[in-house]
Amino acid sequence: MQPATPLPGTQDLLFEAASRLRRCEATLCGRFEGKGYAEVIPPAIEAADVFGPEAFRALDRSGRLIALRADFTAQVARIAATRLAGISPLRLYYRGSIVRRVAPDSGPVHERLQAGCELVGAAGPEADAEILALAAASLHALGIRGRISLGSTGYFSALATAAGASERLAAALNDAVDRKDLPTLRTLCEREVAAGKARDAILLLAQPPRPQTEARELLARAETLAPSEDALRALRRVSAALAAARGLGAELEVDLGEVRGLGYYTGIVFNLYAAGSPRPVGGGGRYDTLLGRFGDPRPAVGFSLDLDALVPLAC
């Protein structure tokens, strides 16, 4: 008999590691509750259509397609739309594990520990700033010096639309922007995007992030290139969030090429970085249409923290 060990992508937490996780969770929960957020505990299993293709799916005995929890935000959106409809604003938080396929069409899965907050029913830049401030305060509460990289999915979507990009081309552009691969981005644009403001604006997405002190210059340049009213509105929302989020207690930068996954984001998006870490330790953004999938048109914005990445860094 082979020894039973955790599956690839999962882990056992023992003794001090488990205690350290619980201490960090307690610190975060205290911070969330101190800002008026209430805990919700969604089920580990949902109807499969709550999640995207990253979810690990199976058939139950009745033949219904179910899925392991792959995303807390989608579950909180369902809860807000079906159990807490009509209550605005809603401030909710969660903690627990998610399970995702490494790639949507692959077999291997990985499990991640998360905690996060969702603000439902608030549409203005003040709500964006509240979430940015709470995300920064969460890192600070753990003794971690953080950096927030702010961008806009809505801006990229508006540029892709103005460029007449197909779904295939939009995905290729998104990938090149995400990797800051200017040569590939330039080749794609020269080959498949007509010369003009849309092409120039897309190429600007590969620029390196600008610190808050220099972000106005970048945003002003982007506004001169905005090929549509939708693009202009998205940029102005980033500017408004930037203005409302002064004094965060974390380094803030603007990266117009910051486009998070999980296709429900509609406006500002951001990634969180610990000082000296090249990989995000959390992130979030605005998702004004997600609750609509469950019959509720309210806007929302939120963030999640990757506890697997943060707990080893916490003091």
C-alpha atoms as a PDB file:
ATOM      1  CA  MET A   1       0.000   0.000   0.000  1.00  0.00           C
ATOM      2  CA  GLN A   2       1.329   3.427  -0.974  1.00  0.00           C
ATOM      3  CA  PRO A   3       1.310   6.107   1.754  1.00  0.00           C
ATOM      4  CA  ALA A   4      -1.656   8.459   1.519  1.00  0.00           C
ATOM      5  CA  THR A   5      -0.391  11.948   0.711  1.00  0.00           C
ATOM      6  CA  PRO A   6      -2.211  15.117  -0.363  1.00  0.00           C
ATOM      7  CA  LEU A   7      -3.073  15.357  -4.032  1.00  0.00           C
ATOM      8  CA  PRO A   8      -0.893  17.640  -6.159  1.00  0.00           C
ATOM      9  CA  GLY A   9      -2.060  21.217  -5.698  1.00  0.00           C
ATOM     10  CA  THR A  10      -3.331  20.593  -2.139  1.00  0.00           C
ATOM     11  CA  GLN A  11      -1.678  20.519   1.272  1.00  0.00           C
ATOM     12  CA  ASP A  12      -2.000  19.490   4.899  1.00  0.00           C
ATOM     13  CA  LEU A  13      -1.576  22.302   7.423  1.00  0.00           C
ATOM     14  CA  LEU A  14      -0.223  21.046  10.734  1.00  0.00           C
ATOM     15  CA  PHE A  15       0.408  22.561  14.138  1.00  0.00           C
ATOM     16  CA  GLU A  16       2.196  25.923  13.838  1.00  0.00           C
ATOM     17  CA  ALA A  17       1.189  26.376  10.185  1.00  0.00           C
ATOM     18  CA  ALA A  18      -2.457  25.842  11.095  1.00  0.00           C
ATOM     19  CA  SER A  19      -2.174  28.156  14.103  1.00  0.00           C
ATOM     20  CA  ARG A  20      -0.532  30.850  12.014  1.00  0.00           C
ATOM     21  CA  LEU A  21      -3.307  30.676   9.423  1.00  0.00           C
ATOM     22  CA  ARG A  22      -5.982  31.012  12.112  1.00  0.00           C
ATOM     23  CA  ARG A  23      -4.186  33.986  13.671  1.00  0.00           C
ATOM     24  CA  CYS A  24      -4.023  35.736  10.318  1.00  0.00           C
ATOM     25  CA  GLU A  25      -7.688  34.959   9.651  1.00  0.00           C
ATOM     26  CA  ALA A  26      -8.629  36.367  13.067  1.00  0.00           C
ATOM     27  CA  THR A  27      -6.672  39.547  12.347  1.00  0.00           C
ATOM     28  CA  LEU A  28      -8.370  39.987   8.983  1.00  0.00           C
ATOM     29  CA  CYS A  29     -11.849  39.194  10.304  1.00  0.00           C
ATOM     30  CA  GLY A  30     -11.362  41.779  13.034  1.00  0.00           C
ATOM     31  CA  ARG A  31     -10.353  44.374  10.452  1.00  0.00           C
ATOM     32  CA  PHE A  32     -13.289  43.530   8.162  1.00  0.00           C
ATOM     33  CA  GLU A  33     -15.835  43.617  10.980  1.00  0.00           C
ATOM     34  CA  GLY A  34     -14.365  46.865  12.280  1.00  0.00           C
ATOM     35  CA  LYS A  35     -15.269  48.416   8.917  1.00  0.00           C
ATOM     36  CA  GLY A  36     -18.848  47.136   9.057  1.00  0.00           C
ATOM     37  CA  TYR A  37     -18.516  43.933   7.015  1.00  0.00           C
ATOM     38  CA  ALA A  38     -20.454  40.818   8.104  1.00  0.00           C
ATOM     39  CA  GLU A  39     -19.331  37.248   7.462  1.00  0.00           C
ATOM     40  CA  VAL A  40     -21.142  34.866   5.123  1.00  0.00           C
ATOM     41  CA  ILE A  41     -20.238  31.185   4.738  1.00  0.00           C
ATOM     42  CA  PRO A  42     -21.262  29.806   1.327  1.00  0.00           C
ATOM     43  CA  PRO A  43     -21.455  26.059   0.670  1.00  0.00           C
ATOM     44  CA  ALA A  44     -18.484  24.164  -0.708  1.00  0.00           C
ATOM     45  CA  ILE A  45     -20.670  22.767  -3.521  1.00  0.00           C
ATOM     46  CA  GLU A  46     -22.890  24.774  -5.871  1.00  0.00           C
ATOM     47  CA  ALA A  47     -24.859  24.370  -9.061  1.00  0.00           C
ATOM     48  CA  ALA A  48     -22.212  24.325 -11.775  1.00  0.00           C
ATOM     49  CA  ASP A  49     -23.570  27.363 -13.616  1.00  0.00           C
ATOM     50  CA  VAL A  50     -22.652  29.636 -10.690  1.00  0.00           C
ATOM     51  CA  PHE A  51     -18.984  29.310 -11.684  1.00  0.00           C
ATOM     52  CA  GLY A  52     -16.967  29.630 -14.860  1.00  0.00           C
ATOM     53  CA  PRO A  53     -15.014  26.963 -16.760  1.00  0.00           C
ATOM     54  CA  GLU A  54     -12.294  26.892 -14.097  1.00  0.00           C
ATOM     55  CA  ALA A  55     -14.588  24.955 -11.724  1.00  0.00           C
ATOM     56  CA  PHE A  56     -14.154  21.240 -11.034  1.00  0.00           C
ATOM     57  CA  ARG A  57     -17.469  19.652 -12.075  1.00  0.00           C
ATOM     58  CA  ALA A  58     -19.267  16.365 -11.441  1.00  0.00           C
ATOM     59  CA  LEU A  59     -22.724  14.833 -11.750  1.00  0.00           C
ATOM     60  CA  ASP A  60     -24.690  14.138  -8.594  1.00  0.00           C
ATOM     61  CA  ARG A  61     -26.922  11.071  -8.236  1.00  0.00           C
ATOM     62  CA  SER A  62     -29.855  12.858  -9.835  1.00  0.00           C
ATOM     63  CA  GLY A  63     -27.788  13.709 -12.901  1.00  0.00           C
ATOM     64  CA  ARG A  64     -27.515  17.396 -12.030  1.00  0.00           C
ATOM     65  CA  LEU A  65     -24.209  19.099 -12.819  1.00  0.00           C
ATOM     66  CA  ILE A  66     -22.582  20.442  -9.650  1.00  0.00           C
ATOM     67  CA  ALA A  67     -19.213  22.050  -8.927  1.00  0.00           C
ATOM     68  CA  LEU A  68     -16.779  22.532  -6.091  1.00  0.00           C
ATOM     69  CA  ARG A  69     -16.415  26.144  -5.019  1.00  0.00           C
ATOM     70  CA  ALA A  70     -14.099  27.862  -7.491  1.00  0.00           C
ATOM     71  CA  ASP A  71     -14.836  31.494  -6.684  1.00  0.00           C
ATOM     72  CA  PHE A  72     -16.220  33.175  -3.570  1.00  0.00           C
ATOM     73  CA  THR A  73     -17.292  36.343  -5.383  1.00  0.00           C
ATOM     74  CA  ALA A  74     -19.787  34.493  -7.580  1.00  0.00           C
ATOM     75  CA  GLN A  75     -21.243  32.814  -4.497  1.00  0.00           C
ATOM     76  CA  VAL A  76     -21.536  36.083  -2.579  1.00  0.00           C
ATOM     77  CA  ALA A  77     -23.249  37.599  -5.632  1.00  0.00           C
ATOM     78  CA  ARG A  78     -25.770  34.742  -5.595  1.00  0.00           C
ATOM     79  CA  ILE A  79     -26.370  35.187  -1.857  1.00  0.00           C
ATOM     80  CA  ALA A  80     -26.807  38.956  -2.205  1.00  0.00           C
ATOM     81  CA  ALA A  81     -29.176  38.600  -5.146  1.00  0.00           C
ATOM     82  CA  THR A  82     -31.345  35.810  -3.747  1.00  0.00           C
ATOM     83  CA  ARG A  83     -31.153  36.016   0.051  1.00  0.00           C
ATOM     84  CA  LEU A  84     -30.407  39.701   0.650  1.00  0.00           C
ATOM     85  CA  ALA A  85     -32.167  41.406  -2.255  1.00  0.00           C
ATOM     86  CA  GLY A  86     -33.222  44.986  -1.646  1.00  0.00           C
ATOM     87  CA  ILE A  87     -30.671  45.663   1.100  1.00  0.00           C
ATOM     88  CA  SER A  88     -28.135  48.282  -0.003  1.00  0.00           C
ATOM     89  CA  PRO A  89     -25.368  48.821   0.582  1.00  0.00           C
ATOM     90  CA  LEU A  90     -24.333  45.333   1.666  1.00  0.00           C
ATOM     91  CA  ARG A  91     -20.913  44.787   3.207  1.00  0.00           C
ATOM     92  CA  LEU A  92     -20.004  41.094   3.292  1.00  0.00           C
ATOM     93  CA  TYR A  93     -16.820  39.123   3.883  1.00  0.00           C
ATOM     94  CA  TYR A  94     -15.759  35.486   3.596  1.00  0.00           C
ATOM     95  CA  ARG A  95     -12.864  33.130   4.231  1.00  0.00           C
ATOM     96  CA  GLY A  96     -12.176  29.560   3.170  1.00  0.00           C
ATOM     97  CA  SER A  97     -10.797  27.506   0.313  1.00  0.00           C
ATOM     98  CA  ILE A  98     -11.465  27.417  -3.394  1.00  0.00           C
ATOM     99  CA  VAL A  99     -10.662  24.590  -5.811  1.00  0.00           C
ATOM    100  CA  ARG A 100      -9.867  25.330  -9.444  1.00  0.00           C
ATOM    101  CA  ARG A 101      -8.591  23.503 -12.458  1.00  0.00           C
ATOM    102  CA  VAL A 102      -5.073  24.567 -13.345  1.00  0.00           C
ATOM    103  CA  ALA A 103      -6.460  25.188 -16.845  1.00  0.00           C
ATOM    104  CA  PRO A 104     -10.156  25.067 -17.786  1.00  0.00           C
ATOM    105  CA  ASP A 105      -9.785  21.936 -19.922  1.00  0.00           C
ATOM    106  CA  SER A 106      -7.254  20.079 -17.774  1.00  0.00           C
ATOM    107  CA  GLY A 107      -7.646  17.522 -15.039  1.00  0.00           C
ATOM    108  CA  PRO A 108      -5.240  18.762 -12.329  1.00  0.00           C
ATOM    109  CA  VAL A 109      -6.710  21.050  -9.696  1.00  0.00           C
ATOM    110  CA  HIS A 110      -5.288  23.295  -7.041  1.00  0.00           C
ATOM    111  CA  GLU A 111      -6.746  24.491  -3.763  1.00  0.00           C
ATOM    112  CA  ARG A 112      -6.182  28.019  -2.447  1.00  0.00           C
ATOM    113  CA  LEU A 113      -7.074  29.627   0.864  1.00  0.00           C
ATOM    114  CA  GLN A 114      -8.728  33.020   0.535  1.00  0.00           C
ATOM    115  CA  ALA A 115     -10.372  35.818   2.482  1.00  0.00           C
ATOM    116  CA  GLY A 116     -12.094  38.827   0.998  1.00  0.00           C
ATOM    117  CA  CYS A 117     -14.783  41.492   1.053  1.00  0.00           C
ATOM    118  CA  GLU A 118     -17.616  42.502  -1.261  1.00  0.00           C
ATOM    119  CA  LEU A 119     -19.466  45.845  -1.248  1.00  0.00           C
ATOM    120  CA  VAL A 120     -22.829  45.424  -2.983  1.00  0.00           C
ATOM    121  CA  GLY A 121     -25.192  48.191  -4.082  1.00  0.00           C
ATOM    122  CA  ALA A 122     -22.702  51.073  -4.224  1.00  0.00           C
ATOM    123  CA  ALA A 123     -21.702  52.400  -7.634  1.00  0.00           C
ATOM    124  CA  GLY A 124     -19.588  55.521  -7.108  1.00  0.00           C
ATOM    125  CA  PRO A 125     -15.838  56.094  -6.904  1.00  0.00           C
ATOM    126  CA  GLU A 126     -16.191  56.378  -3.125  1.00  0.00           C
ATOM    127  CA  ALA A 127     -17.123  52.676  -3.047  1.00  0.00           C
ATOM    128  CA  ASP A 128     -14.102  51.835  -5.202  1.00  0.00           C
ATOM    129  CA  ALA A 129     -11.926  53.827  -2.805  1.00  0.00           C
ATOM    130  CA  GLU A 130     -13.438  52.070   0.235  1.00  0.00           C
ATOM    131  CA  ILE A 131     -12.489  48.680  -1.180  1.00  0.00           C
ATOM    132  CA  LEU A 132      -9.005  49.855  -2.160  1.00  0.00           C
ATOM    133  CA  ALA A 133      -8.483  51.285   1.329  1.00  0.00           C
ATOM    134  CA  LEU A 134      -9.700  48.108   3.032  1.00  0.00           C
ATOM    135  CA  ALA A 135      -7.457  45.949   0.844  1.00  0.00           C
ATOM    136  CA  ALA A 136      -4.465  48.128   1.763  1.00  0.00           C
ATOM    137  CA  ALA A 137      -5.439  48.106   5.451  1.00  0.00           C
ATOM    138  CA  SER A 138      -5.683  44.309   5.378  1.00  0.00           C
ATOM    139  CA  LEU A 139      -2.075  43.973   4.251  1.00  0.00           C
ATOM    140  CA  HIS A 140      -1.001  46.512   6.854  1.00  0.00           C
ATOM    141  CA  ALA A 141      -2.842  44.597   9.601  1.00  0.00           C
ATOM    142  CA  LEU A 142      -0.763  41.535   8.704  1.00  0.00           C
ATOM    143  CA  GLY A 143       2.445  43.554   8.939  1.00  0.00           C
ATOM    144  CA  ILE A 144       2.979  43.508   5.170  1.00  0.00           C
ATOM    145  CA  ARG A 145       4.041  46.569   3.193  1.00  0.00           C
ATOM    146  CA  GLY A 146       1.913  46.505   0.078  1.00  0.00           C
ATOM    147  CA  ARG A 147       1.524  47.934  -3.388  1.00  0.00           C
ATOM    148  CA  ILE A 148      -1.716  48.311  -5.366  1.00  0.00           C
ATOM    149  CA  SER A 149      -1.677  48.270  -9.166  1.00  0.00           C
ATOM    150  CA  LEU A 150      -4.857  49.903 -10.516  1.00  0.00           C
ATOM    151  CA  GLY A 151      -6.276  49.438 -14.004  1.00  0.00           C
ATOM    152  CA  SER A 152      -9.566  48.977 -15.848  1.00  0.00           C
ATOM    153  CA  THR A 153     -11.104  46.004 -17.592  1.00  0.00           C
ATOM    154  CA  GLY A 154     -13.738  48.380 -18.938  1.00  0.00           C
ATOM    155  CA  TYR A 155     -11.050  50.395 -20.704  1.00  0.00           C
ATOM    156  CA  PHE A 156      -9.554  47.366 -22.426  1.00  0.00           C
ATOM    157  CA  SER A 157     -13.028  46.172 -23.480  1.00  0.00           C
ATOM    158  CA  ALA A 158     -13.836  49.601 -24.920  1.00  0.00           C
ATOM    159  CA  LEU A 159     -10.587  49.640 -26.904  1.00  0.00           C
ATOM    160  CA  ALA A 160     -11.163  46.129 -28.252  1.00  0.00           C
ATOM    161  CA  THR A 161     -14.670  47.122 -29.343  1.00  0.00           C
ATOM    162  CA  ALA A 162     -13.471  50.341 -30.987  1.00  0.00           C
ATOM    163  CA  ALA A 163     -10.807  48.340 -32.833  1.00  0.00           C
ATOM    164  CA  GLY A 164     -13.424  45.884 -34.118  1.00  0.00           C
ATOM    165  CA  ALA A 165     -11.462  43.032 -32.550  1.00  0.00           C
ATOM    166  CA  SER A 166     -12.839  39.521 -32.820  1.00  0.00           C
ATOM    167  CA  GLU A 167     -13.009  37.365 -29.715  1.00  0.00           C
ATOM    168  CA  ARG A 168      -9.828  35.617 -30.869  1.00  0.00           C
ATOM    169  CA  LEU A 169      -7.959  38.871 -31.449  1.00  0.00           C
ATOM    170  CA  ALA A 170      -9.175  40.391 -28.167  1.00  0.00           C
ATOM    171  CA  ALA A 171      -7.852  37.340 -26.304  1.00  0.00           C
ATOM    172  CA  ALA A 172      -4.486  37.582 -28.093  1.00  0.00           C
ATOM    173  CA  LEU A 173      -4.234  41.305 -27.356  1.00  0.00           C
ATOM    174  CA  ASN A 174      -5.160  40.694 -23.729  1.00  0.00           C
ATOM    175  CA  ASP A 175      -2.457  38.051 -23.392  1.00  0.00           C
ATOM    176  CA  ALA A 176       0.206  40.310 -24.919  1.00  0.00           C
ATOM    177  CA  VAL A 177      -0.854  43.224 -22.701  1.00  0.00           C
ATOM    178  CA  ASP A 178      -0.786  41.021 -19.610  1.00  0.00           C
ATOM    179  CA  ARG A 179       2.794  39.963 -20.406  1.00  0.00           C
ATOM    180  CA  LYS A 180       3.811  43.530 -21.347  1.00  0.00           C
ATOM    181  CA  ASP A 181       4.994  42.033 -24.623  1.00  0.00           C
ATOM    182  CA  LEU A 182       5.211  45.175 -26.753  1.00  0.00           C
ATOM    183  CA  PRO A 183       6.749  43.491 -29.853  1.00  0.00           C
ATOM    184  CA  THR A 184       3.903  40.947 -30.041  1.00  0.00           C
ATOM    185  CA  LEU A 185       1.319  43.634 -29.309  1.00  0.00           C
ATOM    186  CA  ARG A 186       2.733  45.858 -32.043  1.00  0.00           C
ATOM    187  CA  THR A 187       2.733  42.965 -34.532  1.00  0.00           C
ATOM    188  CA  LEU A 188      -0.897  42.118 -33.730  1.00  0.00           C
ATOM    189  CA  CYS A 189      -1.943  45.746 -34.073  1.00  0.00           C
ATOM    190  CA  GLU A 190      -0.092  46.336 -37.337  1.00  0.00           C
ATOM    191  CA  ARG A 191      -1.526  43.151 -38.804  1.00  0.00           C
ATOM    192  CA  GLU A 192      -5.119  43.286 -37.544  1.00  0.00           C
ATOM    193  CA  VAL A 193      -6.010  46.747 -36.169  1.00  0.00           C
ATOM    194  CA  ALA A 194      -6.540  49.737 -38.458  1.00  0.00           C
ATOM    195  CA  ALA A 195      -4.253  52.704 -37.891  1.00  0.00           C
ATOM    196  CA  GLY A 196      -5.782  55.339 -35.634  1.00  0.00           C
ATOM    197  CA  LYS A 197      -6.575  56.150 -32.035  1.00  0.00           C
ATOM    198  CA  ALA A 198      -7.672  52.629 -31.103  1.00  0.00           C
ATOM    199  CA  ARG A 199      -4.361  51.122 -32.238  1.00  0.00           C
ATOM    200  CA  ASP A 200      -2.304  53.808 -30.489  1.00  0.00           C
ATOM    201  CA  ALA A 201      -4.332  53.405 -27.294  1.00  0.00           C
ATOM    202  CA  ILE A 202      -3.882  49.628 -27.312  1.00  0.00           C
ATOM    203  CA  LEU A 203      -0.109  50.025 -27.680  1.00  0.00           C
ATOM    204  CA  LEU A 204      -0.144  52.355 -24.670  1.00  0.00           C
ATOM    205  CA  LEU A 205      -1.413  49.441 -22.543  1.00  0.00           C
ATOM    206  CA  ALA A 206       2.039  47.843 -22.639  1.00  0.00           C
ATOM    207  CA  GLN A 207       3.615  50.822 -20.891  1.00  0.00           C
ATOM    208  CA  PRO A 208       5.067  50.031 -17.449  1.00  0.00           C
ATOM    209  CA  PRO A 209       2.999  50.988 -14.396  1.00  0.00           C
ATOM    210  CA  ARG A 210       3.231  54.606 -13.278  1.00  0.00           C
ATOM    211  CA  PRO A 211       3.423  55.610  -9.606  1.00  0.00           C
ATOM    212  CA  GLN A 212       0.611  57.769  -8.286  1.00  0.00           C
ATOM    213  CA  THR A 213       2.717  60.918  -8.681  1.00  0.00           C
ATOM    214  CA  GLU A 214       3.074  60.275 -12.437  1.00  0.00           C
ATOM    215  CA  ALA A 215      -0.284  58.622 -13.139  1.00  0.00           C
ATOM    216  CA  ARG A 216      -2.050  61.833 -14.152  1.00  0.00           C
ATOM    217  CA  GLU A 217       0.310  62.229 -17.107  1.00  0.00           C
ATOM    218  CA  LEU A 218      -0.413  58.671 -18.275  1.00  0.00           C
ATOM    219  CA  LEU A 219      -4.178  59.094 -17.891  1.00  0.00           C
ATOM    220  CA  ALA A 220      -4.126  62.437 -19.719  1.00  0.00           C
ATOM    221  CA  ARG A 221      -2.230  60.854 -22.613  1.00  0.00           C
ATOM    222  CA  ALA A 222      -4.713  57.969 -22.697  1.00  0.00           C
ATOM    223  CA  GLU A 223      -7.653  60.398 -22.757  1.00  0.00           C
ATOM    224  CA  THR A 224      -6.284  62.113 -25.872  1.00  0.00           C
ATOM    225  CA  LEU A 225      -6.228  58.698 -27.575  1.00  0.00           C
ATOM    226  CA  ALA A 226      -9.610  57.459 -26.309  1.00  0.00           C
ATOM    227  CA  PRO A 227     -11.440  56.208 -29.426  1.00  0.00           C
ATOM    228  CA  SER A 228     -14.930  56.155 -27.881  1.00  0.00           C
ATOM    229  CA  GLU A 229     -17.083  57.555 -25.095  1.00  0.00           C
ATOM    230  CA  ASP A 230     -16.948  54.165 -23.359  1.00  0.00           C
ATOM    231  CA  ALA A 231     -13.151  54.314 -23.290  1.00  0.00           C
ATOM    232  CA  LEU A 232     -13.232  57.878 -21.995  1.00  0.00           C
ATOM    233  CA  ARG A 233     -15.701  56.972 -19.235  1.00  0.00           C
ATOM    234  CA  ALA A 234     -13.535  54.036 -18.148  1.00  0.00           C
ATOM    235  CA  LEU A 235     -10.460  56.268 -17.904  1.00  0.00           C
ATOM    236  CA  ARG A 236     -12.334  58.878 -15.914  1.00  0.00           C
ATOM    237  CA  ARG A 237     -13.473  56.180 -13.497  1.00  0.00           C
ATOM    238  CA  VAL A 238      -9.834  55.229 -12.904  1.00  0.00           C
ATOM    239  CA  SER A 239      -9.010  58.909 -12.342  1.00  0.00           C
ATOM    240  CA  ALA A 240     -11.909  59.252  -9.892  1.00  0.00           C
ATOM    241  CA  ALA A 241     -10.865  56.146  -7.951  1.00  0.00           C
ATOM    242  CA  LEU A 242      -7.290  57.418  -7.862  1.00  0.00           C
ATOM    243  CA  ALA A 243      -8.400  60.783  -6.479  1.00  0.00           C
ATOM    244  CA  ALA A 244     -10.728  59.215  -3.898  1.00  0.00           C
ATOM    245  CA  ALA A 245      -8.097  56.730  -2.722  1.00  0.00           C
ATOM    246  CA  ARG A 246      -5.392  59.145  -1.602  1.00  0.00           C
ATOM    247  CA  GLY A 247      -3.667  58.320   1.669  1.00  0.00           C
ATOM    248  CA  LEU A 248      -4.185  54.558   1.443  1.00  0.00           C
ATOM    249  CA  GLY A 249      -1.162  53.610   3.482  1.00  0.00           C
ATOM    250  CA  ALA A 250       0.055  51.503   0.551  1.00  0.00           C
ATOM    251  CA  GLU A 251       1.990  52.382  -2.571  1.00  0.00           C
ATOM    252  CA  LEU A 252      -0.471  53.009  -5.413  1.00  0.00           C
ATOM    253  CA  GLU A 253       0.313  52.831  -9.121  1.00  0.00           C
ATOM    254  CA  VAL A 254      -1.697  52.929 -12.337  1.00  0.00           C
ATOM    255  CA  ASP A 255      -1.270  50.204 -14.939  1.00  0.00           C
ATOM    256  CA  LEU A 256      -3.725  50.568 -17.823  1.00  0.00           C
ATOM    257  CA  GLY A 257      -2.745  47.060 -18.911  1.00  0.00           C
ATOM    258  CA  GLU A 258      -3.919  45.593 -15.580  1.00  0.00           C
ATOM    259  CA  VAL A 259      -6.718  43.256 -16.706  1.00  0.00           C
ATOM    260  CA  ARG A 260      -7.713  40.547 -14.231  1.00  0.00           C
ATOM    261  CA  GLY A 261      -9.188  37.181 -15.213  1.00  0.00           C
ATOM    262  CA  LEU A 262     -12.649  35.884 -14.281  1.00  0.00           C
ATOM    263  CA  GLY A 263     -14.615  37.601 -17.036  1.00  0.00           C
ATOM    264  CA  TYR A 264     -17.237  39.261 -14.834  1.00  0.00           C
ATOM    265  CA  TYR A 265     -15.165  42.400 -14.099  1.00  0.00           C
ATOM    266  CA  THR A 266     -16.604  45.510 -15.762  1.00  0.00           C
ATOM    267  CA  GLY A 267     -14.687  48.543 -14.477  1.00  0.00           C
ATOM    268  CA  ILE A 268     -11.697  49.244 -12.283  1.00  0.00           C
ATOM    269  CA  VAL A 269      -9.537  46.249 -11.417  1.00  0.00           C
ATOM    270  CA  PHE A 270      -6.463  45.976  -9.236  1.00  0.00           C
ATOM    271  CA  ASN A 271      -3.794  43.577  -8.079  1.00  0.00           C
ATOM    272  CA  LEU A 272      -2.159  43.582  -4.654  1.00  0.00           C
ATOM    273  CA  TYR A 273       1.562  42.960  -4.235  1.00  0.00           C
ATOM    274  CA  ALA A 274       3.665  42.472  -1.136  1.00  0.00           C
ATOM    275  CA  ALA A 275       6.913  44.436  -1.115  1.00  0.00           C
ATOM    276  CA  GLY A 276       9.536  42.505  -3.056  1.00  0.00           C
ATOM    277  CA  SER A 277       7.059  39.978  -4.479  1.00  0.00           C
ATOM    278  CA  PRO A 278       6.619  39.829  -8.274  1.00  0.00           C
ATOM    279  CA  ARG A 279       3.381  37.833  -8.045  1.00  0.00           C
ATOM    280  CA  PRO A 280       0.042  39.190  -6.817  1.00  0.00           C
ATOM    281  CA  VAL A 281      -1.066  38.271  -3.297  1.00  0.00           C
ATOM    282  CA  GLY A 282      -4.629  39.370  -3.968  1.00  0.00           C
ATOM    283  CA  GLY A 283      -6.766  41.617  -6.092  1.00  0.00           C
ATOM    284  CA  GLY A 284     -10.242  42.630  -7.062  1.00  0.00           C
ATOM    285  CA  GLY A 285     -12.356  45.111  -8.929  1.00  0.00           C
ATOM    286  CA  ARG A 286     -15.814  46.215  -9.962  1.00  0.00           C
ATOM    287  CA  TYR A 287     -18.355  43.730 -11.320  1.00  0.00           C
ATOM    288  CA  ASP A 288     -21.570  45.625 -12.034  1.00  0.00           C
ATOM    289  CA  THR A 289     -23.315  42.898 -14.048  1.00  0.00           C
ATOM    290  CA  LEU A 290     -22.545  39.736 -12.046  1.00  0.00           C
ATOM    291  CA  LEU A 291     -25.561  40.003  -9.724  1.00  0.00           C
ATOM    292  CA  GLY A 292     -27.714  40.392 -12.822  1.00  0.00           C
ATOM    293  CA  ARG A 293     -27.044  36.726 -13.610  1.00  0.00           C
ATOM    294  CA  PHE A 294     -29.100  35.978 -10.493  1.00  0.00           C
ATOM    295  CA  GLY A 295     -31.879  38.479 -11.231  1.00  0.00           C
ATOM    296  CA  ASP A 296     -30.506  41.486  -9.315  1.00  0.00           C
ATOM    297  CA  PRO A 297     -29.146  44.518 -11.220  1.00  0.00           C
ATOM    298  CA  ARG A 298     -27.158  46.014  -8.325  1.00  0.00           C
ATOM    299  CA  PRO A 299     -23.518  47.028  -8.883  1.00  0.00           C
ATOM    300  CA  ALA A 300     -20.723  45.663  -6.705  1.00  0.00           C
ATOM    301  CA  VAL A 301     -16.997  45.891  -6.044  1.00  0.00           C
ATOM    302  CA  GLY A 302     -14.700  43.731  -3.935  1.00  0.00           C
ATOM    303  CA  PHE A 303     -11.360  42.036  -3.404  1.00  0.00           C
ATOM    304  CA  SER A 304      -9.848  38.730  -2.320  1.00  0.00           C
ATOM    305  CA  LEU A 305      -6.589  37.894  -0.550  1.00  0.00           C
ATOM    306  CA  ASP A 306      -4.462  34.822  -1.285  1.00  0.00           C
ATOM    307  CA  LEU A 307      -3.778  33.506   2.213  1.00  0.00           C
ATOM    308  CA  ASP A 308      -1.395  30.825   0.947  1.00  0.00           C
ATOM    309  CA  ALA A 309       0.837  33.637  -0.286  1.00  0.00           C
ATOM    310  CA  LEU A 310       0.250  36.068   2.586  1.00  0.00           C
ATOM    311  CA  VAL A 311       0.446  33.920   5.716  1.00  0.00           C
ATOM    312  CA  PRO A 312       4.176  33.063   5.301  1.00  0.00           C
ATOM    313  CA  LEU A 313       4.892  36.807   4.966  1.00  0.00           C
ATOM    314  CA  ALA A 314       2.777  37.950   7.906  1.00  0.00           C
ATOM    315  CA  CYS A 315       4.399  38.945  11.177  1.00  0.00           C
END
